[in-house]
C-alpha atoms as a PDB file:
ATOM      1  CA  MET A   1      71.861 109.209  26.587  1.00  0.00           C
ATOM      2  CA  SER A   2      74.001 106.548  27.893  1.00  0.00           C
ATOM      3  CA  LEU A   3      77.599 107.469  28.936  1.00  0.00           C
ATOM      4  CA  ASN A   4      78.556 104.417  26.562  1.00  0.00           C
ATOM      5  CA  ASP A   5      77.044 106.066  23.645  1.00  0.00           C
ATOM      6  CA  ASP A   6      77.824 109.951  24.314  1.00  0.00           C
ATOM      7  CA  PRO A   7      79.985 111.173  21.470  1.00  0.00           C
ATOM      8  CA  LYS A   8      81.915 113.185  23.826  1.00  0.00           C
ATOM      9  CA  TYR A   9      83.735 110.010  25.532  1.00  0.00           C
ATOM     10  CA  GLN A  10      86.259 108.690  23.024  1.00  0.00           C
ATOM     11  CA  PRO A  11      86.704 104.977  22.306  1.00  0.00           C
ATOM     12  CA  GLY A  12      88.353 103.121  25.401  1.00  0.00           C
ATOM     13  CA  VAL A  13      87.760 106.218  27.650  1.00  0.00           C
ATOM     14  CA  PRO A  14      84.775 105.442  29.922  1.00  0.00           C
ATOM     15  CA  GLY A  15      82.614 107.848  31.610  1.00  0.00           C
ATOM     16  CA  THR A  16      83.927 108.884  35.096  1.00  0.00           C
ATOM     17  CA  HIS A  17      82.122 109.533  38.512  1.00  0.00           C
ATOM     18  CA  GLU A  18      83.295 112.995  37.893  1.00  0.00           C
ATOM     19  CA  ASP A  19      80.888 113.159  34.966  1.00  0.00           C
ATOM     20  CA  VAL A  20      77.835 112.381  36.917  1.00  0.00           C
ATOM     21  CA  GLY A  21      75.710 114.685  39.182  1.00  0.00           C
ATOM     22  CA  ASP A  22      75.937 115.122  42.894  1.00  0.00           C
ATOM     23  CA  ASP A  23      72.514 113.176  43.256  1.00  0.00           C
ATOM     24  CA  ILE A  24      73.941 109.910  41.978  1.00  0.00           C
ATOM     25  CA  ILE A  25      75.436 107.330  44.317  1.00  0.00           C
ATOM     26  CA  ILE A  26      79.044 106.198  43.067  1.00  0.00           C
ATOM     27  CA  SER A  27      79.650 102.737  43.108  1.00  0.00           C
ATOM     28  CA  PRO A  28      83.301 102.589  44.383  1.00  0.00           C
ATOM     29  CA  ASP A  29      84.658 100.379  41.429  1.00  0.00           C
ATOM     30  CA  THR A  30      84.137 102.998  39.079  1.00  0.00           C
ATOM     31  CA  ARG A  31      86.787 105.021  41.076  1.00  0.00           C
ATOM     32  CA  ARG A  32      89.509 102.572  40.077  1.00  0.00           C
ATOM     33  CA  GLU A  33      92.258 103.559  37.648  1.00  0.00           C
ATOM     34  CA  ASN A  34      91.871 100.610  35.674  1.00  0.00           C
ATOM     35  CA  ARG A  35      87.864  99.748  35.847  1.00  0.00           C
ATOM     36  CA  ILE A  36      87.951  96.588  33.651  1.00  0.00           C
ATOM     37  CA  PRO A  37      88.821  93.322  35.941  1.00  0.00           C
ATOM     38  CA  PRO A  38      91.180  90.609  34.891  1.00  0.00           C
ATOM     39  CA  GLY A  39      90.077  88.489  31.983  1.00  0.00           C
ATOM     40  CA  GLN A  40      87.530  91.046  30.801  1.00  0.00           C
ATOM     41  CA  PHE A  41      86.684  93.198  27.915  1.00  0.00           C
ATOM     42  CA  ARG A  42      84.742  96.207  27.184  1.00  0.00           C
ATOM     43  CA  THR A  43      81.332  96.323  25.054  1.00  0.00           C
ATOM     44  CA  ARG A  44      79.586  99.285  24.581  1.00  0.00           C
ATOM     45  CA  LYS A  45      76.332  97.294  23.750  1.00  0.00           C
ATOM     46  CA  TRP A  46      74.362  95.670  26.393  1.00  0.00           C
ATOM     47  CA  PRO A  47      74.338  91.838  25.459  1.00  0.00           C
ATOM     48  CA  VAL A  48      71.176  89.881  26.515  1.00  0.00           C
ATOM     49  CA  LEU A  49      71.851  86.631  28.394  1.00  0.00           C
ATOM     50  CA  HIS A  50      69.589  84.316  30.552  1.00  0.00           C
ATOM     51  CA  TYR A  51      68.525  80.810  30.937  1.00  0.00           C
ATOM     52  CA  GLY A  52      65.192  79.455  29.845  1.00  0.00           C
ATOM     53  CA  SER A  53      62.530  82.113  28.426  1.00  0.00           C
ATOM     54  CA  VAL A  54      62.076  85.571  29.203  1.00  0.00           C
ATOM     55  CA  PRO A  55      58.988  86.110  31.539  1.00  0.00           C
ATOM     56  CA  HIS A  56      56.878  89.057  30.505  1.00  0.00           C
ATOM     57  CA  ILE A  57      55.270  90.373  33.805  1.00  0.00           C
ATOM     58  CA  GLY A  58      52.412  92.925  33.524  1.00  0.00           C
ATOM     59  CA  LEU A  59      52.619  95.881  35.877  1.00  0.00           C
ATOM     60  CA  ALA A  60      49.144  94.989  37.532  1.00  0.00           C
ATOM     61  CA  GLU A  61      50.418  91.589  38.406  1.00  0.00           C
ATOM     62  CA  TRP A  62      54.127  92.444  39.554  1.00  0.00           C
ATOM     63  CA  ARG A  63      54.513  92.053  43.397  1.00  0.00           C
ATOM     64  CA  LEU A  64      57.623  92.220  45.712  1.00  0.00           C
ATOM     65  CA  ASP A  65      57.684  90.046  48.629  1.00  0.00           C
ATOM     66  CA  ILE A  66      60.304  90.319  51.197  1.00  0.00           C
ATOM     67  CA  LEU A  67      60.414  87.550  53.672  1.00  0.00           C
ATOM     68  CA  GLY A  68      62.337  85.093  55.900  1.00  0.00           C
ATOM     69  CA  LEU A  69      64.444  86.332  58.788  1.00  0.00           C
ATOM     70  CA  VAL A  70      62.636  89.847  58.887  1.00  0.00           C
ATOM     71  CA  GLU A  71      60.473  91.550  61.744  1.00  0.00           C
ATOM     72  CA  GLN A  72      57.601  92.069  59.199  1.00  0.00           C
ATOM     73  CA  HIS A  73      57.185  90.439  55.970  1.00  0.00           C
ATOM     74  CA  LEU A  74      56.038  93.048  53.502  1.00  0.00           C
ATOM     75  CA  SER A  75      54.850  93.012  49.873  1.00  0.00           C
ATOM     76  CA  PHE A  76      54.707  95.825  47.382  1.00  0.00           C
ATOM     77  CA  ASN A  77      52.631  96.264  44.560  1.00  0.00           C
ATOM     78  CA  TRP A  78      54.061  98.449  41.382  1.00  0.00           C
ATOM     79  CA  GLU A  79      52.218 101.611  42.613  1.00  0.00           C
ATOM     80  CA  GLU A  80      53.570 100.842  45.853  1.00  0.00           C
ATOM     81  CA  PHE A  81      57.206 100.268  44.792  1.00  0.00           C
ATOM     82  CA  GLN A  82      57.085 102.945  42.618  1.00  0.00           C
ATOM     83  CA  ALA A  83      55.887 105.423  45.786  1.00  0.00           C
ATOM     84  CA  LEU A  84      59.264 104.519  47.749  1.00  0.00           C
ATOM     85  CA  PRO A  85      62.086 106.933  47.966  1.00  0.00           C
ATOM     86  CA  ARG A  86      64.192 106.577  44.974  1.00  0.00           C
ATOM     87  CA  VAL A  87      67.974 106.623  44.019  1.00  0.00           C
ATOM     88  CA  LYS A  88      70.049 106.776  41.225  1.00  0.00           C
ATOM     89  CA  VAL A  89      73.330 104.547  41.078  1.00  0.00           C
ATOM     90  CA  PHE A  90      76.670 105.364  38.662  1.00  0.00           C
ATOM     91  CA  SER A  91      78.222 101.674  38.153  1.00  0.00           C
ATOM     92  CA  ASP A  92      80.074  99.327  35.917  1.00  0.00           C
ATOM     93  CA  PHE A  93      78.600  96.043  35.085  1.00  0.00           C
ATOM     94  CA  HIS A  94      80.751  92.842  34.627  1.00  0.00           C
ATOM     95  CA  CYS A  95      79.303  89.366  33.128  1.00  0.00           C
ATOM     96  CA  VAL A  96      81.020  86.351  33.941  1.00  0.00           C
ATOM     97  CA  THR A  97      81.070  85.425  30.522  1.00  0.00           C
ATOM     98  CA  GLN A  98      83.954  88.116  29.930  1.00  0.00           C
ATOM     99  CA  TRP A  99      82.310  91.312  28.854  1.00  0.00           C
ATOM    100  CA  SER A 100      82.143  94.603  30.917  1.00  0.00           C
ATOM    101  CA  ARG A 101      79.888  97.570  30.209  1.00  0.00           C
ATOM    102  CA  LEU A 102      81.167 100.730  31.975  1.00  0.00           C
ATOM    103  CA  GLY A 103      79.188 103.697  32.876  1.00  0.00           C
ATOM    104  CA  ASN A 104      75.739 102.681  33.689  1.00  0.00           C
ATOM    105  CA  VAL A 105      73.173 104.763  35.475  1.00  0.00           C
ATOM    106  CA  TRP A 106      70.546 102.658  37.578  1.00  0.00           C
ATOM    107  CA  GLU A 107      67.547 104.116  39.108  1.00  0.00           C
ATOM    108  CA  GLY A 108      65.044 102.431  41.469  1.00  0.00           C
ATOM    109  CA  VAL A 109      64.942 101.621  45.335  1.00  0.00           C
ATOM    110  CA  SER A 110      67.942 100.938  47.578  1.00  0.00           C
ATOM    111  CA  VAL A 111      67.753  98.016  49.298  1.00  0.00           C
ATOM    112  CA  ARG A 112      68.661  99.405  52.608  1.00  0.00           C
ATOM    113  CA  GLU A 113      65.618 101.423  52.216  1.00  0.00           C
ATOM    114  CA  LEU A 114      63.592  98.106  51.909  1.00  0.00           C
ATOM    115  CA  MET A 115      65.453  96.443  54.878  1.00  0.00           C
ATOM    116  CA  ASP A 116      64.908  99.290  56.956  1.00  0.00           C
ATOM    117  CA  ARG A 117      61.233  98.789  56.369  1.00  0.00           C
ATOM    118  CA  VAL A 118      61.079  95.146  57.099  1.00  0.00           C
ATOM    119  CA  GLY A 119      63.756  95.071  59.903  1.00  0.00           C
ATOM    120  CA  ILE A 120      66.481  92.457  59.855  1.00  0.00           C
ATOM    121  CA  ARG A 121      66.494  89.859  62.547  1.00  0.00           C
ATOM    122  CA  PRO A 122      70.122  89.298  64.140  1.00  0.00           C
ATOM    123  CA  GLU A 123      70.246  85.703  62.817  1.00  0.00           C
ATOM    124  CA  ALA A 124      70.057  86.639  59.205  1.00  0.00           C
ATOM    125  CA  LYS A 125      73.229  86.156  57.247  1.00  0.00           C
ATOM    126  CA  PHE A 126      72.267  85.753  53.727  1.00  0.00           C
ATOM    127  CA  VAL A 127      69.388  87.182  51.267  1.00  0.00           C
ATOM    128  CA  ILE A 128      68.135  84.742  48.593  1.00  0.00           C
ATOM    129  CA  PRO A 129      66.686  86.794  45.439  1.00  0.00           C
ATOM    130  CA  MET A 130      64.198  84.842  43.533  1.00  0.00           C
ATOM    131  CA  GLY A 131      63.174  85.666  39.861  1.00  0.00           C
ATOM    132  CA  TYR A 132      59.638  85.404  38.166  1.00  0.00           C
ATOM    133  CA  ASP A 133      61.322  82.983  35.770  1.00  0.00           C
ATOM    134  CA  ARG A 134      60.314  79.547  37.200  1.00  0.00           C
ATOM    135  CA  GLY A 135      61.651  80.132  40.654  1.00  0.00           C
ATOM    136  CA  TRP A 136      65.278  81.062  39.613  1.00  0.00           C
ATOM    137  CA  THR A 137      67.663  81.833  42.589  1.00  0.00           C
ATOM    138  CA  THR A 138      70.825  83.310  43.610  1.00  0.00           C
ATOM    139  CA  ASN A 139      72.448  83.712  46.831  1.00  0.00           C
ATOM    140  CA  LEU A 140      74.282  86.697  48.543  1.00  0.00           C
ATOM    141  CA  PRO A 141      75.855  87.555  51.885  1.00  0.00           C
ATOM    142  CA  LEU A 142      74.292  90.281  53.655  1.00  0.00           C
ATOM    143  CA  SER A 143      77.533  92.091  53.722  1.00  0.00           C
ATOM    144  CA  ASP A 144      77.196  92.203  49.884  1.00  0.00           C
ATOM    145  CA  PHE A 145      73.588  92.987  49.578  1.00  0.00           C
ATOM    146  CA  LEU A 146      73.561  95.871  52.172  1.00  0.00           C
ATOM    147  CA  GLN A 147      76.468  97.820  50.163  1.00  0.00           C
ATOM    148  CA  GLU A 148      75.375 101.544  49.332  1.00  0.00           C
ATOM    149  CA  ASP A 149      75.272 100.821  45.598  1.00  0.00           C
ATOM    150  CA  VAL A 150      72.716  97.959  45.549  1.00  0.00           C
ATOM    151  CA  LEU A 151      69.240  98.750  44.270  1.00  0.00           C
ATOM    152  CA  LEU A 152      66.408  97.275  42.887  1.00  0.00           C
ATOM    153  CA  ALA A 153      66.585  99.044  39.543  1.00  0.00           C
ATOM    154  CA  ASP A 154      63.648  99.697  37.112  1.00  0.00           C
ATOM    155  CA  THR A 155      65.377 102.053  34.843  1.00  0.00           C
ATOM    156  CA  HIS A 156      68.790 101.828  33.291  1.00  0.00           C
ATOM    157  CA  ASP A 157      70.463 104.849  31.519  1.00  0.00           C
ATOM    158  CA  GLY A 158      66.833 106.796  31.513  1.00  0.00           C
ATOM    159  CA  GLU A 159      65.114 104.124  30.228  1.00  0.00           C
ATOM    160  CA  PRO A 160      62.519 101.456  31.644  1.00  0.00           C
ATOM    161  CA  ILE A 161      64.582  98.292  31.903  1.00  0.00           C
ATOM    162  CA  ASP A 162      62.968  95.895  29.010  1.00  0.00           C
ATOM    163  CA  ALA A 163      62.103  92.349  29.855  1.00  0.00           C
ATOM    164  CA  ASP A 164      65.139  90.618  27.997  1.00  0.00           C
ATOM    165  CA  HIS A 165      67.333  92.987  30.574  1.00  0.00           C
ATOM    166  CA  GLY A 166      65.278  91.653  33.363  1.00  0.00           C
ATOM    167  CA  GLY A 167      62.474  94.229  33.651  1.00  0.00           C
ATOM    168  CA  PRO A 168      60.091  95.652  35.068  1.00  0.00           C
ATOM    169  CA  VAL A 169      62.596  95.369  38.084  1.00  0.00           C
ATOM    170  CA  ARG A 170      65.809  93.813  38.386  1.00  0.00           C
ATOM    171  CA  LEU A 171      68.382  93.470  41.446  1.00  0.00           C
ATOM    172  CA  MET A 172      71.590  95.465  40.740  1.00  0.00           C
ATOM    173  CA  VAL A 173      74.751  94.468  42.671  1.00  0.00           C
ATOM    174  CA  PRO A 174      77.453  96.452  40.856  1.00  0.00           C
ATOM    175  CA  GLN A 175      80.645  95.057  42.958  1.00  0.00           C
ATOM    176  CA  LEU A 176      79.667  91.229  42.156  1.00  0.00           C
ATOM    177  CA  TYR A 177      79.505  89.524  38.536  1.00  0.00           C
ATOM    178  CA  ALA A 178      76.082  90.329  36.932  1.00  0.00           C
ATOM    179  CA  TRP A 179      74.451  86.843  37.480  1.00  0.00           C
ATOM    180  CA  LYS A 180      74.235  87.838  41.183  1.00  0.00           C
ATOM    181  CA  SER A 181      71.846  91.083  40.032  1.00  0.00           C
ATOM    182  CA  ALA A 182      68.851  88.386  39.743  1.00  0.00           C
ATOM    183  CA  LYS A 183      66.388  89.558  36.682  1.00  0.00           C
ATOM    184  CA  TRP A 184      62.583  89.618  36.824  1.00  0.00           C
ATOM    185  CA  ILE A 185      63.176  89.884  40.537  1.00  0.00           C
ATOM    186  CA  LYS A 186      60.002  88.461  42.639  1.00  0.00           C
ATOM    187  CA  SER A 187      61.011  88.139  46.286  1.00  0.00           C
ATOM    188  CA  LEU A 188      63.893  88.649  48.623  1.00  0.00           C
ATOM    189  CA  GLU A 189      64.265  85.893  51.376  1.00  0.00           C
ATOM    190  CA  LEU A 190      66.564  86.493  54.211  1.00  0.00           C
ATOM    191  CA  THR A 191      68.113  83.287  55.897  1.00  0.00           C
ATOM    192  CA  SER A 192      70.565  82.173  58.456  1.00  0.00           C
ATOM    193  CA  GLU A 193      72.428  79.900  56.237  1.00  0.00           C
ATOM    194  CA  ASP A 194      73.672  80.095  52.666  1.00  0.00           C
ATOM    195  CA  ARG A 195      71.436  78.396  49.994  1.00  0.00           C
ATOM    196  CA  PRO A 196      73.390  78.319  46.553  1.00  0.00           C
ATOM    197  CA  GLY A 197      70.944  79.160  43.646  1.00  0.00           C
ATOM    198  CA  TYR A 198      70.801  77.766  39.989  1.00  0.00           C
ATOM    199  CA  TRP A 199      73.964  78.928  38.753  1.00  0.00           C
ATOM    200  CA  GLU A 200      75.896  78.164  41.913  1.00  0.00           C
ATOM    201  CA  ARG A 201      74.578  74.661  41.953  1.00  0.00           C
ATOM    202  CA  GLY A 202      75.664  74.329  38.385  1.00  0.00           C
ATOM    203  CA  GLY A 203      79.257  75.328  39.415  1.00  0.00           C
ATOM    204  CA  TYR A 204      79.354  78.710  39.598  1.00  0.00           C
ATOM    205  CA  HIS A 205      81.029  80.542  42.529  1.00  0.00           C
ATOM    206  CA  HIS A 206      79.072  81.191  45.596  1.00  0.00           C
ATOM    207  CA  HIS A 207      80.240  84.818  45.924  1.00  0.00           C
ATOM    208  CA  GLY A 208      81.410  86.187  42.452  1.00  0.00           C
ATOM    209  CA  ASP A 209      83.903  88.617  42.937  1.00  0.00           C
ATOM    210  CA  PRO A 210      85.215  90.010  39.202  1.00  0.00           C
ATOM    211  CA  TRP A 211      88.294  91.507  40.801  1.00  0.00           C
ATOM    212  CA  THR A 212      89.606  87.901  41.914  1.00  0.00           C
ATOM    213  CA  GLU A 213      87.916  86.067  39.078  1.00  0.00           C
ATOM    214  CA  GLU A 214      85.528  84.070  41.329  1.00  0.00           C
ATOM    215  CA  ARG A 215      83.872  82.801  38.255  1.00  0.00           C
ATOM    216  CA  PHE A 216      83.510  79.075  39.189  1.00  0.00           C
ATOM    217  CA  SER A 217      83.673  77.053  42.630  1.00  0.00           C
ATOM    218  CA  GLY A 218      86.512  74.778  43.210  1.00  0.00           C
END
């Protein structure tokens, strides 16, 4: 059961990091006294927002490629991805369109685990996640990407992530606005230079910190 739906939590009172098990990574922002960033409101639902049509990727066809400035390029099919060590993360989720969903539990593979396997070259400074939706991309500094609470998630609140919400696997970067948590993840490319993605080229902020309202560039 989602912490947002559990009847023991009263309206307006989110589940806290103290309510989850010791085996779960706690996103730092969930320890704040006020967990709703400026300009946001809380929802208990999980709205569906995306650009274009929803790709439906069969598990037999799904692959994750890690390339660019790494010591070795690696590619994982579904079975290989599922065999990797898994983590759970308790975090909040903030959409740039001003809604926040508190108290989510994500499960999947830590990006630190993946980066340890490929090896990051010293000149790498950014990562460019790409989705299956017609090559959609976003951009992240490695310093944000390598936070402990960042993962490639395939379950949310104990259920597989459906296609509308970015399944079978989506990136989850809890400390930035949700568009940085690329849906339908296909590849991760490490680069030496920043390379703004679809929304960033359209005027969204290159970084996306919800606590300082980095919604739009300029």
